[in-house]
Amino acid sequence: MNRTLTKTRAAAPSAAVIQLRLYVAGKTAKSDAALTNLRRICETHLAGQYDLEIIDLTVTPQLAAGDQILAVPTVVRLLPEPIKKIIGDLSDEVRVLVGLDIKPRKQMNS
């Protein structure tokens, strides 16, 4: 899979869409974990209401400047504004939901 600019369109055309961009650096365990965790969170809490773009900075490092990416993996919520960022493997679901200002769809186990 070419992860330079991989997009997942999971939103219905008329739905309110949350736009996310995940920056990774190659196929590493941390990058794979971040992608897996983010997809799980999106499907659980944003099903049908998100766009996810994955950018591999080993292929296109110049794209890091646009969102001021200093560490990877980093997820950026582009829309709705304001822009929000989280760095790491995104394994802490509560932290990701709070950090990206996403309302949980169902009760999470503590």
PDB file of N, CA and C in Angstrom:
ATOM      1  N   MET A   1       0.848  -1.183   0.000  1.00  0.00           N
ATOM      2  CA  MET A   1       0.000   0.000   0.000  1.00  0.00           C
ATOM      3  C   MET A   1       0.883   1.232   0.000  1.00  0.00           C
ATOM      4  N   ASN A   2       0.623   2.139  -0.900  1.00  0.00           N
ATOM      5  CA  ASN A   2       1.335   3.409  -0.934  1.00  0.00           C
ATOM      6  C   ASN A   2       0.717   4.321   0.103  1.00  0.00           C
ATOM      7  N   ARG A   3       1.475   4.613   1.160  1.00  0.00           N
ATOM      8  CA  ARG A   3       0.927   5.405   2.253  1.00  0.00           C
ATOM      9  C   ARG A   3       1.347   6.856   2.155  1.00  0.00           C
ATOM     10  N   THR A   4       1.734   7.293   0.965  1.00  0.00           N
ATOM     11  CA  THR A   4       2.094   8.684   0.813  1.00  0.00           C
ATOM     12  C   THR A   4       0.886   9.565   1.069  1.00  0.00           C
ATOM     13  N   LEU A   5      -0.171   9.333   0.360  1.00  0.00           N
ATOM     14  CA  LEU A   5      -1.400  10.099   0.513  1.00  0.00           C
ATOM     15  C   LEU A   5      -2.574   9.147   0.411  1.00  0.00           C
ATOM     16  N   THR A   6      -2.772   8.337   1.403  1.00  0.00           N
ATOM     17  CA  THR A   6      -3.882   7.399   1.408  1.00  0.00           C
ATOM     18  C   THR A   6      -5.068   8.066   2.072  1.00  0.00           C
ATOM     19  N   LYS A   7      -6.196   8.058   1.403  1.00  0.00           N
ATOM     20  CA  LYS A   7      -7.394   8.676   1.970  1.00  0.00           C
ATOM     21  C   LYS A   7      -8.464   7.629   2.196  1.00  0.00           C
ATOM     22  N   THR A   8      -9.135   7.756   3.310  1.00  0.00           N
ATOM     23  CA  THR A   8     -10.287   6.927   3.611  1.00  0.00           C
ATOM     24  C   THR A   8     -11.487   7.849   3.670  1.00  0.00           C
ATOM     25  N   ARG A   9     -12.413   7.672   2.778  1.00  0.00           N
ATOM     26  CA  ARG A   9     -13.636   8.479   2.768  1.00  0.00           C
ATOM     27  C   ARG A   9     -14.731   7.647   3.397  1.00  0.00           C
ATOM     28  N   ALA A  10     -15.093   7.983   4.616  1.00  0.00           N
ATOM     29  CA  ALA A  10     -16.101   7.205   5.322  1.00  0.00           C
ATOM     30  C   ALA A  10     -17.359   8.013   5.573  1.00  0.00           C
ATOM     31  N   ALA A  11     -17.427   9.175   4.996  1.00  0.00           N
ATOM     32  CA  ALA A  11     -18.545  10.057   5.289  1.00  0.00           C
ATOM     33  C   ALA A  11     -19.539  10.092   4.137  1.00  0.00           C
ATOM     34  N   ALA A  12     -20.796  10.185   4.507  1.00  0.00           N
ATOM     35  CA  ALA A  12     -21.839  10.425   3.513  1.00  0.00           C
ATOM     36  C   ALA A  12     -21.678  11.869   3.033  1.00  0.00           C
ATOM     37  N   PRO A  13     -21.957  12.144   1.760  1.00  0.00           N
ATOM     38  CA  PRO A  13     -21.725  13.486   1.225  1.00  0.00           C
ATOM     39  C   PRO A  13     -22.386  14.612   2.015  1.00  0.00           C
ATOM     40  N   SER A  14     -23.533  14.377   2.629  1.00  0.00           N
ATOM     41  CA  SER A  14     -24.230  15.455   3.325  1.00  0.00           C
ATOM     42  C   SER A  14     -23.936  15.490   4.826  1.00  0.00           C
ATOM     43  N   ALA A  15     -23.198  14.519   5.329  1.00  0.00           N
ATOM     44  CA  ALA A  15     -22.946  14.435   6.770  1.00  0.00           C
ATOM     45  C   ALA A  15     -21.889  15.449   7.208  1.00  0.00           C
ATOM     46  N   ALA A  16     -21.962  15.845   8.480  1.00  0.00           N
ATOM     47  CA  ALA A  16     -20.918  16.674   9.059  1.00  0.00           C
ATOM     48  C   ALA A  16     -19.664  15.809   9.154  1.00  0.00           C
ATOM     49  N   VAL A  17     -18.572  16.288   8.585  1.00  0.00           N
ATOM     50  CA  VAL A  17     -17.378  15.477   8.451  1.00  0.00           C
ATOM     51  C   VAL A  17     -16.259  16.016   9.334  1.00  0.00           C
ATOM     52  N   ILE A  18     -15.598  15.103  10.034  1.00  0.00           N
ATOM     53  CA  ILE A  18     -14.378  15.440  10.761  1.00  0.00           C
ATOM     54  C   ILE A  18     -13.226  15.018   9.868  1.00  0.00           C
ATOM     55  N   GLN A  19     -12.352  15.957   9.542  1.00  0.00           N
ATOM     56  CA  GLN A  19     -11.216  15.660   8.681  1.00  0.00           C
ATOM     57  C   GLN A  19      -9.979  15.440   9.534  1.00  0.00           C
ATOM     58  N   LEU A  20      -9.374  14.263   9.367  1.00  0.00           N
ATOM     59  CA  LEU A  20      -8.193  13.887  10.123  1.00  0.00           C
ATOM     60  C   LEU A  20      -7.048  13.580   9.168  1.00  0.00           C
ATOM     61  N   ARG A  21      -5.846  13.881   9.614  1.00  0.00           N
ATOM     62  CA  ARG A  21      -4.645  13.570   8.848  1.00  0.00           C
ATOM     63  C   ARG A  21      -3.661  12.904   9.805  1.00  0.00           C
ATOM     64  N   LEU A  22      -3.200  11.702   9.455  1.00  0.00           N
ATOM     65  CA  LEU A  22      -2.238  10.980  10.271  1.00  0.00           C
ATOM     66  C   LEU A  22      -0.888  11.000   9.573  1.00  0.00           C
ATOM     67  N   TYR A  23       0.106  11.546  10.258  1.00  0.00           N
ATOM     68  CA  TYR A  23       1.469  11.563   9.755  1.00  0.00           C
ATOM     69  C   TYR A  23       2.231  10.404  10.375  1.00  0.00           C
ATOM     70  N   VAL A  24       2.874   9.593   9.535  1.00  0.00           N
ATOM     71  CA  VAL A  24       3.696   8.480   9.986  1.00  0.00           C
ATOM     72  C   VAL A  24       5.053   8.572   9.302  1.00  0.00           C
ATOM     73  N   ALA A  25       6.006   7.764   9.773  1.00  0.00           N
ATOM     74  CA  ALA A  25       7.338   7.719   9.162  1.00  0.00           C
ATOM     75  C   ALA A  25       7.669   6.267   8.840  1.00  0.00           C
ATOM     76  N   GLY A  26       7.216   5.812   7.699  1.00  0.00           N
ATOM     77  CA  GLY A  26       7.484   4.450   7.279  1.00  0.00           C
ATOM     78  C   GLY A  26       6.581   3.445   7.960  1.00  0.00           C
ATOM     79  N   LYS A  27       6.881   2.187   7.713  1.00  0.00           N
ATOM     80  CA  LYS A  27       6.087   1.097   8.284  1.00  0.00           C
ATOM     81  C   LYS A  27       6.797   0.610   9.540  1.00  0.00           C
ATOM     82  N   THR A  28       6.508   1.274  10.651  1.00  0.00           N
ATOM     83  CA  THR A  28       7.084   0.896  11.933  1.00  0.00           C
ATOM     84  C   THR A  28       5.972   0.398  12.843  1.00  0.00           C
ATOM     85  N   ALA A  29       6.365  -0.232  13.933  1.00  0.00           N
ATOM     86  CA  ALA A  29       5.371  -0.733  14.890  1.00  0.00           C
ATOM     87  C   ALA A  29       4.537   0.410  15.441  1.00  0.00           C
ATOM     88  N   LYS A  30       5.166   1.538  15.741  1.00  0.00           N
ATOM     89  CA  LYS A  30       4.444   2.675  16.305  1.00  0.00           C
ATOM     90  C   LYS A  30       3.485   3.294  15.276  1.00  0.00           C
ATOM     91  N   SER A  31       3.928   3.395  14.043  1.00  0.00           N
ATOM     92  CA  SER A  31       3.068   3.926  12.986  1.00  0.00           C
ATOM     93  C   SER A  31       1.878   3.011  12.734  1.00  0.00           C
ATOM     94  N   ASP A  32       2.144   1.709  12.676  1.00  0.00           N
ATOM     95  CA  ASP A  32       1.064   0.744  12.464  1.00  0.00           C
ATOM     96  C   ASP A  32       0.067   0.770  13.621  1.00  0.00           C
ATOM     97  N   ALA A  33       0.581   0.870  14.854  1.00  0.00           N
ATOM     98  CA  ALA A  33      -0.304   0.934  16.026  1.00  0.00           C
ATOM     99  C   ALA A  33      -1.168   2.187  15.974  1.00  0.00           C
ATOM    100  N   ALA A  34      -0.573   3.322  15.618  1.00  0.00           N
ATOM    101  CA  ALA A  34      -1.325   4.574  15.539  1.00  0.00           C
ATOM    102  C   ALA A  34      -2.433   4.465  14.496  1.00  0.00           C
ATOM    103  N   LEU A  35      -2.124   3.915  13.347  1.00  0.00           N
ATOM    104  CA  LEU A  35      -3.123   3.768  12.288  1.00  0.00           C
ATOM    105  C   LEU A  35      -4.245   2.826  12.715  1.00  0.00           C
ATOM    106  N   THR A  36      -3.890   1.687  13.288  1.00  0.00           N
ATOM    107  CA  THR A  36      -4.891   0.731  13.761  1.00  0.00           C
ATOM    108  C   THR A  36      -5.778   1.355  14.833  1.00  0.00           C
ATOM    109  N   ASN A  37      -5.160   2.014  15.805  1.00  0.00           N
ATOM    110  CA  ASN A  37      -5.925   2.636  16.893  1.00  0.00           C
ATOM    111  C   ASN A  37      -6.826   3.749  16.378  1.00  0.00           C
ATOM    112  N   LEU A  38      -6.309   4.576  15.471  1.00  0.00           N
ATOM    113  CA  LEU A  38      -7.111   5.680  14.948  1.00  0.00           C
ATOM    114  C   LEU A  38      -8.298   5.159  14.134  1.00  0.00           C
ATOM    115  N   ARG A  39      -8.064   4.167  13.314  1.00  0.00           N
ATOM    116  CA  ARG A  39      -9.180   3.601  12.533  1.00  0.00           C
ATOM    117  C   ARG A  39     -10.247   3.002  13.446  1.00  0.00           C
ATOM    118  N   ARG A  40      -9.822   2.307  14.500  1.00  0.00           N
ATOM    119  CA  ARG A  40     -10.770   1.726  15.454  1.00  0.00           C
ATOM    120  C   ARG A  40     -11.587   2.821  16.136  1.00  0.00           C
ATOM    121  N   ILE A  41     -10.917   3.870  16.581  1.00  0.00           N
ATOM    122  CA  ILE A  41     -11.598   4.991  17.240  1.00  0.00           C
ATOM    123  C   ILE A  41     -12.573   5.655  16.277  1.00  0.00           C
ATOM    124  N   CYS A  42     -12.150   5.868  15.050  1.00  0.00           N
ATOM    125  CA  CYS A  42     -13.024   6.508  14.056  1.00  0.00           C
ATOM    126  C   CYS A  42     -14.249   5.660  13.762  1.00  0.00           C
ATOM    127  N   GLU A  43     -14.056   4.366  13.574  1.00  0.00           N
ATOM    128  CA  GLU A  43     -15.189   3.492  13.283  1.00  0.00           C
ATOM    129  C   GLU A  43     -16.142   3.383  14.466  1.00  0.00           C
ATOM    130  N   THR A  44     -15.611   3.447  15.674  1.00  0.00           N
ATOM    131  CA  THR A  44     -16.443   3.342  16.869  1.00  0.00           C
ATOM    132  C   THR A  44     -17.218   4.627  17.134  1.00  0.00           C
ATOM    133  N   HIS A  45     -16.562   5.766  16.997  1.00  0.00           N
ATOM    134  CA  HIS A  45     -17.152   7.034  17.438  1.00  0.00           C
ATOM    135  C   HIS A  45     -17.532   7.988  16.310  1.00  0.00           C
ATOM    136  N   LEU A  46     -17.028   7.756  15.105  1.00  0.00           N
ATOM    137  CA  LEU A  46     -17.302   8.676  13.991  1.00  0.00           C
ATOM    138  C   LEU A  46     -17.810   7.958  12.749  1.00  0.00           C
ATOM    139  N   ALA A  47     -18.301   6.759  12.901  1.00  0.00           N
ATOM    140  CA  ALA A  47     -18.708   5.961  11.746  1.00  0.00           C
ATOM    141  C   ALA A  47     -19.556   6.781  10.779  1.00  0.00           C
ATOM    142  N   GLY A  48     -19.085   6.866   9.536  1.00  0.00           N
ATOM    143  CA  GLY A  48     -19.808   7.597   8.513  1.00  0.00           C
ATOM    144  C   GLY A  48     -19.635   9.100   8.562  1.00  0.00           C
ATOM    145  N   GLN A  49     -18.770   9.603   9.440  1.00  0.00           N
ATOM    146  CA  GLN A  49     -18.641  11.056   9.576  1.00  0.00           C
ATOM    147  C   GLN A  49     -17.188  11.523   9.616  1.00  0.00           C
ATOM    148  N   TYR A  50     -16.296  10.823   8.939  1.00  0.00           N
ATOM    149  CA  TYR A  50     -14.899  11.256   8.968  1.00  0.00           C
ATOM    150  C   TYR A  50     -14.199  10.992   7.641  1.00  0.00           C
ATOM    151  N   ASP A  51     -13.166  11.779   7.410  1.00  0.00           N
ATOM    152  CA  ASP A  51     -12.215  11.562   6.323  1.00  0.00           C
ATOM    153  C   ASP A  51     -10.865  11.386   6.981  1.00  0.00           C
ATOM    154  N   LEU A  52     -10.121  10.372   6.584  1.00  0.00           N
ATOM    155  CA  LEU A  52      -8.801  10.117   7.138  1.00  0.00           C
ATOM    156  C   LEU A  52      -7.787  10.087   6.013  1.00  0.00           C
ATOM    157  N   GLU A  53      -6.772  10.898   6.131  1.00  0.00           N
ATOM    158  CA  GLU A  53      -5.681  10.945   5.165  1.00  0.00           C
ATOM    159  C   GLU A  53      -4.411  10.509   5.892  1.00  0.00           C
ATOM    160  N   ILE A  54      -3.661   9.582   5.296  1.00  0.00           N
ATOM    161  CA  ILE A  54      -2.431   9.097   5.896  1.00  0.00           C
ATOM    162  C   ILE A  54      -1.265   9.575   5.045  1.00  0.00           C
ATOM    163  N   ILE A  55      -0.311  10.234   5.686  1.00  0.00           N
ATOM    164  CA  ILE A  55       0.850  10.770   4.981  1.00  0.00           C
ATOM    165  C   ILE A  55       2.105  10.140   5.559  1.00  0.00           C
ATOM    166  N   ASP A  56       2.864   9.463   4.709  1.00  0.00           N
ATOM    167  CA  ASP A  56       4.128   8.843   5.097  1.00  0.00           C
ATOM    168  C   ASP A  56       5.246   9.840   4.802  1.00  0.00           C
ATOM    169  N   LEU A  57       5.846  10.355   5.853  1.00  0.00           N
ATOM    170  CA  LEU A  57       6.873  11.385   5.693  1.00  0.00           C
ATOM    171  C   LEU A  57       8.205  10.847   5.192  1.00  0.00           C
ATOM    172  N   THR A  58       8.377   9.517   5.146  1.00  0.00           N
ATOM    173  CA  THR A  58       9.588   8.980   4.528  1.00  0.00           C
ATOM    174  C   THR A  58       9.509   9.101   3.014  1.00  0.00           C
ATOM    175  N   VAL A  59       8.293   9.213   2.493  1.00  0.00           N
ATOM    176  CA  VAL A  59       8.084   9.353   1.056  1.00  0.00           C
ATOM    177  C   VAL A  59       7.957  10.819   0.662  1.00  0.00           C
ATOM    178  N   THR A  60       7.225  11.590   1.462  1.00  0.00           N
ATOM    179  CA  THR A  60       6.999  13.006   1.153  1.00  0.00           C
ATOM    180  C   THR A  60       7.269  13.868   2.389  1.00  0.00           C
ATOM    181  N   PRO A  61       8.524  14.030   2.770  1.00  0.00           N
ATOM    182  CA  PRO A  61       8.851  14.781   3.990  1.00  0.00           C
ATOM    183  C   PRO A  61       8.450  16.252   3.936  1.00  0.00           C
ATOM    184  N   GLN A  62       8.339  16.804   2.755  1.00  0.00           N
ATOM    185  CA  GLN A  62       7.979  18.221   2.623  1.00  0.00           C
ATOM    186  C   GLN A  62       6.578  18.514   3.125  1.00  0.00           C
ATOM    187  N   LEU A  63       5.728  17.504   3.223  1.00  0.00           N
ATOM    188  CA  LEU A  63       4.359  17.719   3.690  1.00  0.00           C
ATOM    189  C   LEU A  63       4.279  17.988   5.194  1.00  0.00           C
ATOM    190  N   ALA A  64       5.352  17.724   5.926  1.00  0.00           N
ATOM    191  CA  ALA A  64       5.357  17.960   7.375  1.00  0.00           C
ATOM    192  C   ALA A  64       5.279  19.450   7.703  1.00  0.00           C
ATOM    193  N   ALA A  65       5.804  20.283   6.860  1.00  0.00           N
ATOM    194  CA  ALA A  65       5.847  21.716   7.134  1.00  0.00           C
ATOM    195  C   ALA A  65       4.454  22.340   7.201  1.00  0.00           C
ATOM    196  N   GLY A  66       3.538  21.885   6.375  1.00  0.00           N
ATOM    197  CA  GLY A  66       2.207  22.476   6.317  1.00  0.00           C
ATOM    198  C   GLY A  66       1.462  22.432   7.638  1.00  0.00           C
ATOM    199  N   ASP A  67       1.568  21.332   8.357  1.00  0.00           N
ATOM    200  CA  ASP A  67       0.898  21.194   9.647  1.00  0.00           C
ATOM    201  C   ASP A  67       1.875  21.294  10.817  1.00  0.00           C
ATOM    202  N   GLN A  68       3.089  21.735  10.541  1.00  0.00           N
ATOM    203  CA  GLN A  68       4.127  21.911  11.558  1.00  0.00           C
ATOM    204  C   GLN A  68       4.323  20.643  12.378  1.00  0.00           C
ATOM    205  N   ILE A  69       4.600  19.543  11.692  1.00  0.00           N
ATOM    206  CA  ILE A  69       4.795  18.252  12.330  1.00  0.00           C
ATOM    207  C   ILE A  69       6.247  18.127  12.772  1.00  0.00           C
ATOM    208  N   LEU A  70       6.447  17.894  14.063  1.00  0.00           N
ATOM    209  CA  LEU A  70       7.786  17.774  14.620  1.00  0.00           C
ATOM    210  C   LEU A  70       8.090  16.361  15.104  1.00  0.00           C
ATOM    211  N   ALA A  71       7.074  15.537  15.287  1.00  0.00           N
ATOM    212  CA  ALA A  71       7.250  14.160  15.751  1.00  0.00           C
ATOM    213  C   ALA A  71       6.183  13.293  15.090  1.00  0.00           C
ATOM    214  N   VAL A  72       6.482  12.009  14.953  1.00  0.00           N
ATOM    215  CA  VAL A  72       5.517  11.082  14.368  1.00  0.00           C
ATOM    216  C   VAL A  72       5.422   9.843  15.237  1.00  0.00           C
ATOM    217  N   PRO A  73       4.309   9.165  15.217  1.00  0.00           N
ATOM    218  CA  PRO A  73       3.078   9.521  14.509  1.00  0.00           C
ATOM    219  C   PRO A  73       2.345  10.683  15.182  1.00  0.00           C
ATOM    220  N   THR A  74       1.716  11.500  14.354  1.00  0.00           N
ATOM    221  CA  THR A  74       0.899  12.625  14.811  1.00  0.00           C
ATOM    222  C   THR A  74      -0.403  12.620  14.029  1.00  0.00           C
ATOM    223  N   VAL A  75      -1.514  12.755  14.742  1.00  0.00           N
ATOM    224  CA  VAL A  75      -2.803  12.916  14.083  1.00  0.00           C
ATOM    225  C   VAL A  75      -3.213  14.378  14.237  1.00  0.00           C
ATOM    226  N   VAL A  76      -3.722  14.938  13.139  1.00  0.00           N
ATOM    227  CA  VAL A  76      -4.174  16.323  13.114  1.00  0.00           C
ATOM    228  C   VAL A  76      -5.651  16.328  12.757  1.00  0.00           C
ATOM    229  N   ARG A  77      -6.460  16.995  13.586  1.00  0.00           N
ATOM    230  CA  ARG A  77      -7.864  17.212  13.231  1.00  0.00           C
ATOM    231  C   ARG A  77      -7.921  18.559  12.531  1.00  0.00           C
ATOM    232  N   LEU A  78      -8.209  18.532  11.237  1.00  0.00           N
ATOM    233  CA  LEU A  78      -8.240  19.746  10.422  1.00  0.00           C
ATOM    234  C   LEU A  78      -9.584  20.459  10.503  1.00  0.00           C
ATOM    235  N   LEU A  79     -10.654  19.685  10.463  1.00  0.00           N
ATOM    236  CA  LEU A  79     -11.998  20.238  10.542  1.00  0.00           C
ATOM    237  C   LEU A  79     -12.815  19.384  11.482  1.00  0.00           C
ATOM    238  N   PRO A  80     -13.693  19.945  12.234  1.00  0.00           N
ATOM    239  CA  PRO A  80     -13.968  21.380  12.340  1.00  0.00           C
ATOM    240  C   PRO A  80     -12.841  22.091  13.093  1.00  0.00           C
ATOM    241  N   GLU A  81     -12.723  23.366  12.807  1.00  0.00           N
ATOM    242  CA  GLU A  81     -11.711  24.159  13.489  1.00  0.00           C
ATOM    243  C   GLU A  81     -12.103  24.352  14.933  1.00  0.00           C
ATOM    244  N   PRO A  82     -11.204  24.584  15.850  1.00  0.00           N
ATOM    245  CA  PRO A  82      -9.773  24.812  15.645  1.00  0.00           C
ATOM    246  C   PRO A  82      -9.027  23.504  15.387  1.00  0.00           C
ATOM    247  N   ILE A  83      -7.853  23.623  14.763  1.00  0.00           N
ATOM    248  CA  ILE A  83      -6.998  22.481  14.496  1.00  0.00           C
ATOM    249  C   ILE A  83      -6.491  21.921  15.820  1.00  0.00           C
ATOM    250  N   LYS A  84      -6.485  20.595  15.916  1.00  0.00           N
ATOM    251  CA  LYS A  84      -5.996  19.918  17.128  1.00  0.00           C
ATOM    252  C   LYS A  84      -5.026  18.826  16.711  1.00  0.00           C
ATOM    253  N   LYS A  85      -4.013  18.557  17.573  1.00  0.00           N
ATOM    254  CA  LYS A  85      -2.995  17.546  17.267  1.00  0.00           C
ATOM    255  C   LYS A  85      -2.755  16.650  18.474  1.00  0.00           C
ATOM    256  N   ILE A  86      -2.443  15.388  18.176  1.00  0.00           N
ATOM    257  CA  ILE A  86      -2.027  14.439  19.202  1.00  0.00           C
ATOM    258  C   ILE A  86      -0.847  13.644  18.640  1.00  0.00           C
ATOM    259  N   ILE A  87       0.181  13.506  19.455  1.00  0.00           N
ATOM    260  CA  ILE A  87       1.377  12.745  19.080  1.00  0.00           C
ATOM    261  C   ILE A  87       1.368  11.419  19.827  1.00  0.00           C
ATOM    262  N   GLY A  88       1.762  10.348  19.144  1.00  0.00           N
ATOM    263  CA  GLY A  88       1.907   9.058  19.801  1.00  0.00           C
ATOM    264  C   GLY A  88       1.167   7.957  19.069  1.00  0.00           C
ATOM    265  N   ASP A  89       1.082   6.793  19.712  1.00  0.00           N
ATOM    266  CA  ASP A  89       0.469   5.635  19.055  1.00  0.00           C
ATOM    267  C   ASP A  89      -1.051   5.591  19.203  1.00  0.00           C
ATOM    268  N   LEU A  90      -1.634   6.581  19.870  1.00  0.00           N
ATOM    269  CA  LEU A  90      -3.078   6.749  19.994  1.00  0.00           C
ATOM    270  C   LEU A  90      -3.748   5.587  20.711  1.00  0.00           C
ATOM    271  N   SER A  91      -3.007   4.915  21.596  1.00  0.00           N
ATOM    272  CA  SER A  91      -3.554   3.765  22.309  1.00  0.00           C
ATOM    273  C   SER A  91      -4.475   4.154  23.461  1.00  0.00           C
ATOM    274  N   ASP A  92      -4.368   5.376  23.944  1.00  0.00           N
ATOM    275  CA  ASP A  92      -5.232   5.845  25.032  1.00  0.00           C
ATOM    276  C   ASP A  92      -6.467   6.491  24.410  1.00  0.00           C
ATOM    277  N   GLU A  93      -7.521   5.698  24.269  1.00  0.00           N
ATOM    278  CA  GLU A  93      -8.722   6.156  23.564  1.00  0.00           C
ATOM    279  C   GLU A  93      -9.329   7.401  24.184  1.00  0.00           C
ATOM    280  N   VAL A  94      -9.396   7.465  25.502  1.00  0.00           N
ATOM    281  CA  VAL A  94      -9.975   8.631  26.175  1.00  0.00           C
ATOM    282  C   VAL A  94      -9.154   9.874  25.855  1.00  0.00           C
ATOM    283  N   ARG A  95      -7.838   9.760  25.906  1.00  0.00           N
ATOM    284  CA  ARG A  95      -6.959  10.897  25.589  1.00  0.00           C
ATOM    285  C   ARG A  95      -7.170  11.374  24.150  1.00  0.00           C
ATOM    286  N   VAL A  96      -7.314  10.430  23.226  1.00  0.00           N
ATOM    287  CA  VAL A  96      -7.535  10.779  21.819  1.00  0.00           C
ATOM    288  C   VAL A  96      -8.870  11.487  21.658  1.00  0.00           C
ATOM    289  N   LEU A  97      -9.920  10.960  22.252  1.00  0.00           N
ATOM    290  CA  LEU A  97     -11.247  11.576  22.144  1.00  0.00           C
ATOM    291  C   LEU A  97     -11.244  12.984  22.724  1.00  0.00           C
ATOM    292  N   VAL A  98     -10.652  13.149  23.886  1.00  0.00           N
ATOM    293  CA  VAL A  98     -10.601  14.473  24.512  1.00  0.00           C
ATOM    294  C   VAL A  98      -9.709  15.407  23.697  1.00  0.00           C
ATOM    295  N   GLY A  99      -8.537  14.916  23.297  1.00  0.00           N
ATOM    296  CA  GLY A  99      -7.585  15.746  22.559  1.00  0.00           C
ATOM    297  C   GLY A  99      -8.094  16.210  21.211  1.00  0.00           C
ATOM    298  N   LEU A 100      -8.890  15.380  20.553  1.00  0.00           N
ATOM    299  CA  LEU A 100      -9.442  15.743  19.242  1.00  0.00           C
ATOM    300  C   LEU A 100     -10.859  16.290  19.343  1.00  0.00           C
ATOM    301  N   ASP A 101     -11.361  16.401  20.581  1.00  0.00           N
ATOM    302  CA  ASP A 101     -12.702  16.925  20.836  1.00  0.00           C
ATOM    303  C   ASP A 101     -13.764  16.127  20.085  1.00  0.00           C
ATOM    304  N   ILE A 102     -13.713  14.807  20.283  1.00  0.00           N
ATOM    305  CA  ILE A 102     -14.674  13.892  19.676  1.00  0.00           C
ATOM    306  C   ILE A 102     -15.554  13.340  20.783  1.00  0.00           C
ATOM    307  N   LYS A 103     -16.851  13.433  20.595  1.00  0.00           N
ATOM    308  CA  LYS A 103     -17.789  12.911  21.592  1.00  0.00           C
ATOM    309  C   LYS A 103     -17.926  11.404  21.414  1.00  0.00           C
ATOM    310  N   PRO A 104     -17.783  10.645  22.507  1.00  0.00           N
ATOM    311  CA  PRO A 104     -17.923   9.186  22.402  1.00  0.00           C
ATOM    312  C   PRO A 104     -19.333   8.804  21.995  1.00  0.00           C
ATOM    313  N   ARG A 105     -19.459   7.761  21.179  1.00  0.00           N
ATOM    314  CA  ARG A 105     -20.756   7.262  20.739  1.00  0.00           C
ATOM    315  C   ARG A 105     -21.375   6.312  21.734  1.00  0.00           C
ATOM    316  N   LYS A 106     -20.538   5.628  22.502  1.00  0.00           N
ATOM    317  CA  LYS A 106     -21.052   4.673  23.489  1.00  0.00           C
ATOM    318  C   LYS A 106     -20.194   4.777  24.733  1.00  0.00           C
ATOM    319  N   GLN A 107     -20.687   4.210  25.802  1.00  0.00           N
ATOM    320  CA  GLN A 107     -19.964   4.237  27.077  1.00  0.00           C
ATOM    321  C   GLN A 107     -18.677   3.437  26.953  1.00  0.00           C
ATOM    322  N   MET A 108     -17.539   4.042  27.347  1.00  0.00           N
ATOM    323  CA  MET A 108     -16.253   3.361  27.304  1.00  0.00           C
ATOM    324  C   MET A 108     -15.959   2.768  28.669  1.00  0.00           C
ATOM    325  N   ASN A 109     -15.248   1.642  28.674  1.00  0.00           N
ATOM    326  CA  ASN A 109     -14.803   1.039  29.942  1.00  0.00           C
ATOM    327  C   ASN A 109     -13.611   1.787  30.467  1.00  0.00           C
ATOM    328  N   SER A 110     -13.573   2.038  31.756  1.00  0.00           N
ATOM    329  CA  SER A 110     -12.462   2.769  32.351  1.00  0.00           C
ATOM    330  C   SER A 110     -11.318   1.848  32.679  1.00  0.00           C
TER     331      SER A 110
END
